[in-house]
Structure formats: structure tokens, C-alpha cells
Amino acid sequence: CFVAETRSYLRTETVSRELEADVLEWVDMSWAVEQQRTQQQNLIKQLPADLQERLVLHLTKSLFENLSVVSRVPPENRDAIISALARVVTFTLVRKDTLIATYGELVAGRMFIVVSGRVRITSG
């Protein structure tokens, strides 16, 4: 298992227990997320286009449907908007306390959706 190999390597390099715990927590979480994402992408690639679209819509609908930009779209057009968003979205796993943008920074064309955890916005 990748986590066990990582633990063994870190102990060989005699890193502190605190650093080892932080690294192993990240490796475990990121590995699990990547495995799930890879499995999902492999399944989607095997499907005909119409089933790809339907599955992607199903998998991402709950993520997007409560966004104000989507909720203002007439109900009969929401699935089309969600499908369009799902085609261009990229997911990024971010470690706790990572700076993702600076207040006042131009982030045109970007939207941040926090799926798990929280974001702190500060002015400086």
C-alpha cells in the first residue's frame, strides 16, 4: 500500500513524528480522492456520449444546483447549465491553511466551490 511505503520511507529519513503524521494524512486523503476520481473518469470514458452526459450531470448536479448563478436560471434550462459547468470544472484538492487567492486579486473566469472544509477570507 502506498501509505505504508510512504511511512517506511519517512522513517528511513528520520522525519519528526509530527511531520510524518501530516504527510501521511495528506497522502492517505489525496490517494483516496485520486483513486475515486480515476475510477469515475474511467467509467465515464467507456460510456456512449448520451450516458456520459447523464452520468456527469447526476454526479455534479448537487454541487452546482444551489449556486445562486444556477438557481436564477429558469428550471427548464438548469440541467443544460449544470452540464456546461461540469464539462469545464476542475477539482483541486487543497491542504488546510493553503492560500488559494489574495483579497483583491483578479480571479476573473474562476469560481471557487468548497466541497468540504472551510475558507477564511481576510483583507490582508
Foldseek 3Di string as FASTA:
>chain_A
DVLVVLLVVCVVVPDDPVVNVVVSVVCVVVVVVVVVVVVVVVVLVPDPPVVSLVVLLVVCVVQPCPDPVLVVDPPVCSSVVSSVCSVPDDDDDDDPPDDPDAVPDDPPPDDDGDPDDDDDHDND
